[in-house]
Amino acid sequence: SLGMLNNAIIMQDRTSTPRAQSGIVLIVALIILVAMTIAGIAMIRSVDLTNLIAGNLAFKQAATHSGDTGVEAAFAFLNANNVGTFLHTDQTTQGYSADGNNAARSPAAGQTWEAYWATLPANRIRTLAADASGNTVSYIIDRLCASAGSPSGGANCTASTVSSVASGSGEEAGEKALTSSSAIYYRITVRIVGPRNTVSFVQSTVTL
């Protein structure tokens, strides 16, 4: 009977070992499952962030393209009024300033265009209707002169060279005067506000 008891104890010990091992495997499986879940969540968040960045870049690019509308509208205004003395003085309802070389007409040192734009009075900015993409375009025009008035009357404007003379050999081509009227420079600054708080600036310089 003693031998049978020892055999029973040995058999009981042998049957208890797999139960202990199966518990450890379950714990390891749960740890691996949690790690895989965390990795999957991280991957999903990474994909969402990438899509968000790509979307923001697309909105930024669309806003920049809409800036062409502001440049064209500003140039059309200049071209239509480039007669007489109309452009010699400020036209605030059209966002036009005749003294764009004045330091107050540009951002101060270290100041962004966005911060400078916020300091401008409403009648200094010309705003167009929102386009089909939801972008709102506004612009200002600065004549690159130190002060208002006639460009030839002391306004000290930045302008192209007046007329010039090209000289050649008297025996060959002779002397031919190449004349061109002086052209005044105008700086057009366009601000575009679009979806997702997108803000973009476009600047162009034209001559008339």
Protein backbone atom coordinates (compact mmCIF):
# COMPACT_ATOMS: atom_id res chain seq x y z
CA SER A 1 0.00 0.00 0.00
CA LEU A 2 2.93 2.32 0.67
CA GLY A 3 4.20 1.81 -2.86
CA MET A 4 0.79 2.59 -4.31
CA LEU A 5 0.68 5.83 -2.25
CA ASN A 6 4.08 6.91 -3.57
CA ASN A 7 2.97 6.23 -7.14
CA ALA A 8 -0.16 8.31 -6.57
CA ILE A 9 1.92 11.23 -5.24
CA ILE A 10 4.29 11.01 -8.22
CA MET A 11 1.36 10.91 -10.64
CA GLN A 12 -0.24 13.90 -8.91
CA ASP A 13 3.00 15.90 -9.19
CA ARG A 14 3.30 15.01 -12.89
CA THR A 15 -0.25 16.13 -13.68
CA SER A 16 0.16 19.43 -11.82
CA THR A 17 3.16 20.63 -13.91
CA PRO A 18 1.25 21.32 -17.22
CA ARG A 19 -1.30 23.41 -15.31
CA ALA A 20 1.42 25.77 -14.06
CA GLN A 21 2.92 26.07 -17.56
CA SER A 22 -0.43 26.84 -19.21
CA GLY A 23 -0.94 29.79 -16.84
CA ILE A 24 2.41 31.34 -17.83
CA VAL A 25 1.59 30.95 -21.53
CA LEU A 26 -1.72 32.76 -20.99
CA ILE A 27 0.03 35.68 -19.29
CA VAL A 28 2.63 35.93 -22.08
CA ALA A 29 -0.14 35.81 -24.70
CA LEU A 30 -1.99 38.64 -22.96
CA ILE A 31 1.17 40.76 -22.82
CA ILE A 32 1.81 40.20 -26.55
CA LEU A 33 -1.83 41.03 -27.33
CA VAL A 34 -1.62 44.31 -25.40
CA ALA A 35 1.64 45.23 -27.16
CA MET A 36 0.11 44.52 -30.57
CA THR A 37 -2.95 46.61 -29.69
CA ILE A 38 -0.79 49.55 -28.65
CA ALA A 39 1.26 49.24 -31.84
CA GLY A 40 -1.91 49.17 -33.95
CA ILE A 41 -3.29 52.28 -32.24
CA ALA A 42 0.02 54.08 -32.78
CA MET A 43 -0.01 53.16 -36.47
CA ILE A 44 -3.58 54.43 -36.89
CA ARG A 45 -2.70 57.73 -35.20
CA SER A 46 0.36 58.05 -37.43
CA VAL A 47 -1.73 57.55 -40.58
CA ASP A 48 -4.31 60.08 -39.38
CA LEU A 49 -1.59 62.64 -38.67
CA THR A 50 -0.07 62.13 -42.12
CA ASN A 51 -3.46 62.62 -43.77
CA LEU A 52 -4.03 65.77 -41.71
CA ILE A 53 -0.67 67.24 -42.74
CA ALA A 54 -1.30 66.39 -46.40
CA GLY A 55 -4.73 68.03 -46.21
CA ASN A 56 -3.32 71.19 -44.64
CA LEU A 57 -0.67 71.43 -47.36
CA ALA A 58 -3.37 71.08 -50.02
CA PHE A 59 -5.39 73.90 -48.45
CA LYS A 60 -2.25 76.05 -48.25
CA GLN A 61 -1.49 75.46 -51.93
CA ALA A 62 -5.09 76.23 -52.93
CA ALA A 63 -4.99 79.46 -50.93
CA THR A 64 -1.76 80.51 -52.62
CA HIS A 65 -3.28 79.87 -56.05
CA SER A 66 -6.27 82.03 -55.10
CA GLY A 67 -3.83 84.88 -54.53
CA ASP A 68 -3.63 85.33 -58.31
CA THR A 69 -7.19 86.66 -58.17
CA GLY A 70 -6.11 89.44 -55.84
CA VAL A 71 -3.09 90.35 -57.98
CA GLU A 72 -5.24 90.50 -61.12
CA ALA A 73 -7.93 92.63 -59.42
CA ALA A 74 -5.32 95.05 -58.07
CA PHE A 75 -3.60 95.36 -61.44
CA ALA A 76 -6.95 95.94 -63.17
CA PHE A 77 -7.63 98.80 -60.75
CA LEU A 78 -4.22 100.36 -61.43
CA ASN A 79 -4.52 99.97 -65.19
CA ALA A 80 -8.00 101.50 -65.24
CA ASN A 81 -6.92 104.54 -63.22
CA ASN A 82 -3.47 105.17 -64.64
CA VAL A 83 -4.57 108.48 -66.17
CA GLY A 84 -4.38 111.94 -64.67
CA THR A 85 -3.69 112.44 -60.97
CA PHE A 86 -5.96 109.74 -59.51
CA LEU A 87 -3.05 107.54 -58.38
CA HIS A 88 -1.12 110.50 -56.93
CA THR A 89 -3.09 110.32 -53.67
CA ASP A 90 -4.36 107.58 -51.35
CA GLN A 91 -7.53 105.75 -52.35
CA THR A 92 -8.39 104.06 -49.08
CA THR A 93 -11.60 102.40 -50.28
CA GLN A 94 -9.51 100.60 -52.91
CA GLY A 95 -6.66 99.64 -50.57
CA TYR A 96 -4.30 102.01 -52.40
CA SER A 97 -1.52 104.08 -50.85
CA ALA A 98 0.53 106.60 -52.81
CA ASP A 99 3.51 106.54 -50.41
CA GLY A 100 4.47 102.88 -50.25
CA ASN A 101 8.15 103.65 -49.59
CA ASN A 102 7.16 105.19 -46.28
CA ALA A 103 8.41 102.92 -43.47
CA ALA A 104 4.91 102.82 -41.98
CA ARG A 105 3.63 101.03 -45.12
CA SER A 106 5.67 97.88 -44.40
CA PRO A 107 6.18 95.58 -41.41
CA ALA A 108 8.69 96.78 -38.83
CA ALA A 109 11.91 94.89 -38.20
CA GLY A 110 11.06 91.44 -36.87
CA GLN A 111 7.33 91.89 -37.53
CA THR A 112 5.49 89.40 -39.72
CA TRP A 113 3.09 90.40 -42.45
CA GLU A 114 0.27 88.76 -40.51
CA ALA A 115 1.01 90.88 -37.44
CA TYR A 116 1.35 93.99 -39.60
CA TRP A 117 -1.91 93.24 -41.41
CA ALA A 118 -3.74 93.16 -38.08
CA THR A 119 -2.71 96.79 -37.43
CA LEU A 120 -4.19 98.09 -40.69
CA PRO A 121 -7.53 99.90 -40.55
CA ALA A 122 -10.42 98.23 -42.36
CA ASN A 123 -10.64 100.97 -45.02
CA ARG A 124 -6.98 100.39 -45.90
CA ILE A 125 -7.74 96.85 -47.13
CA ARG A 126 -9.68 95.86 -50.22
CA THR A 127 -11.52 92.54 -49.72
CA LEU A 128 -13.04 90.43 -52.49
CA ALA A 129 -15.92 87.98 -52.22
CA ALA A 130 -15.04 84.43 -51.16
CA ASP A 131 -14.36 82.09 -54.07
CA ALA A 132 -15.75 78.61 -54.72
CA SER A 133 -13.00 77.03 -52.59
CA GLY A 134 -13.96 79.09 -49.56
CA ASN A 135 -10.89 81.36 -49.80
CA THR A 136 -11.31 85.05 -48.99
CA VAL A 137 -8.84 87.29 -50.82
CA SER A 138 -7.89 90.78 -49.70
CA TYR A 139 -5.12 93.07 -50.90
CA ILE A 140 -3.36 96.39 -50.51
CA ILE A 141 -1.50 98.38 -53.18
CA ASP A 142 1.52 100.54 -52.40
CA ARG A 143 2.95 102.95 -54.93
CA LEU A 144 6.67 102.81 -54.28
CA CYS A 145 7.10 106.52 -53.64
CA ALA A 146 8.33 108.27 -50.52
CA SER A 147 5.30 110.59 -50.43
CA ALA A 148 2.04 111.32 -52.21
CA GLY A 149 1.89 113.63 -55.21
CA SER A 150 3.13 113.65 -58.76
CA PRO A 151 6.01 111.26 -59.51
CA SER A 152 7.77 114.09 -61.29
CA GLY A 153 6.96 116.65 -58.63
CA GLY A 154 9.08 115.49 -55.69
CA ALA A 155 7.30 112.30 -54.63
CA ASN A 156 10.66 110.51 -54.92
CA CYS A 157 9.31 107.38 -56.57
CA THR A 158 11.12 104.20 -57.43
CA ALA A 159 10.91 104.08 -61.21
CA SER A 160 12.55 102.53 -64.23
CA THR A 161 15.16 104.40 -66.25
CA VAL A 162 13.67 107.15 -68.41
CA SER A 163 15.00 107.31 -71.95
CA SER A 164 18.44 106.19 -73.06
CA VAL A 165 20.58 106.57 -76.14
CA ALA A 166 22.43 103.69 -77.80
CA SER A 167 25.42 104.92 -79.79
CA GLY A 168 27.26 103.06 -82.53
CA SER A 169 29.80 103.74 -85.24
CA GLY A 170 28.93 106.77 -87.35
CA GLU A 171 30.09 104.95 -90.43
CA GLU A 172 28.00 101.85 -89.76
CA ALA A 173 24.76 102.15 -87.82
CA GLY A 174 24.91 105.75 -86.69
CA GLU A 175 23.24 106.82 -83.47
CA LYS A 176 19.77 105.64 -82.55
CA ALA A 177 17.81 106.91 -79.57
CA LEU A 178 15.85 104.18 -77.71
CA THR A 179 13.12 105.97 -75.84
CA SER A 180 10.93 104.53 -73.14
CA SER A 181 8.69 106.38 -70.73
CA SER A 182 9.48 106.19 -67.03
CA ALA A 183 7.40 103.52 -65.30
CA ILE A 184 6.41 103.70 -61.64
CA TYR A 185 6.55 100.54 -59.51
CA TYR A 186 3.57 99.34 -57.50
CA ARG A 187 3.71 96.64 -54.84
CA ILE A 188 0.64 94.42 -54.48
CA THR A 189 0.35 92.41 -51.28
CA VAL A 190 -2.41 89.79 -51.15
CA ARG A 191 -3.64 87.95 -48.08
CA ILE A 192 -5.72 84.80 -48.47
CA VAL A 193 -7.73 83.22 -45.65
CA GLY A 194 -9.11 79.75 -46.34
CA PRO A 195 -10.57 76.66 -44.64
CA ARG A 196 -8.91 75.23 -41.49
CA ASN A 197 -7.59 78.71 -40.61
CA THR A 198 -5.27 78.66 -43.61
CA VAL A 199 -3.51 82.01 -44.12
CA SER A 200 -1.24 82.73 -47.06
CA PHE A 201 0.45 85.84 -48.46
CA VAL A 202 1.38 86.57 -52.06
CA GLN A 203 3.31 89.66 -53.16
CA SER A 204 3.91 91.00 -56.63
CA THR A 205 5.52 94.15 -58.09
CA VAL A 206 4.15 95.64 -61.30
CA THR A 207 4.91 98.70 -63.40
CA LEU A 208 2.68 100.97 -65.45
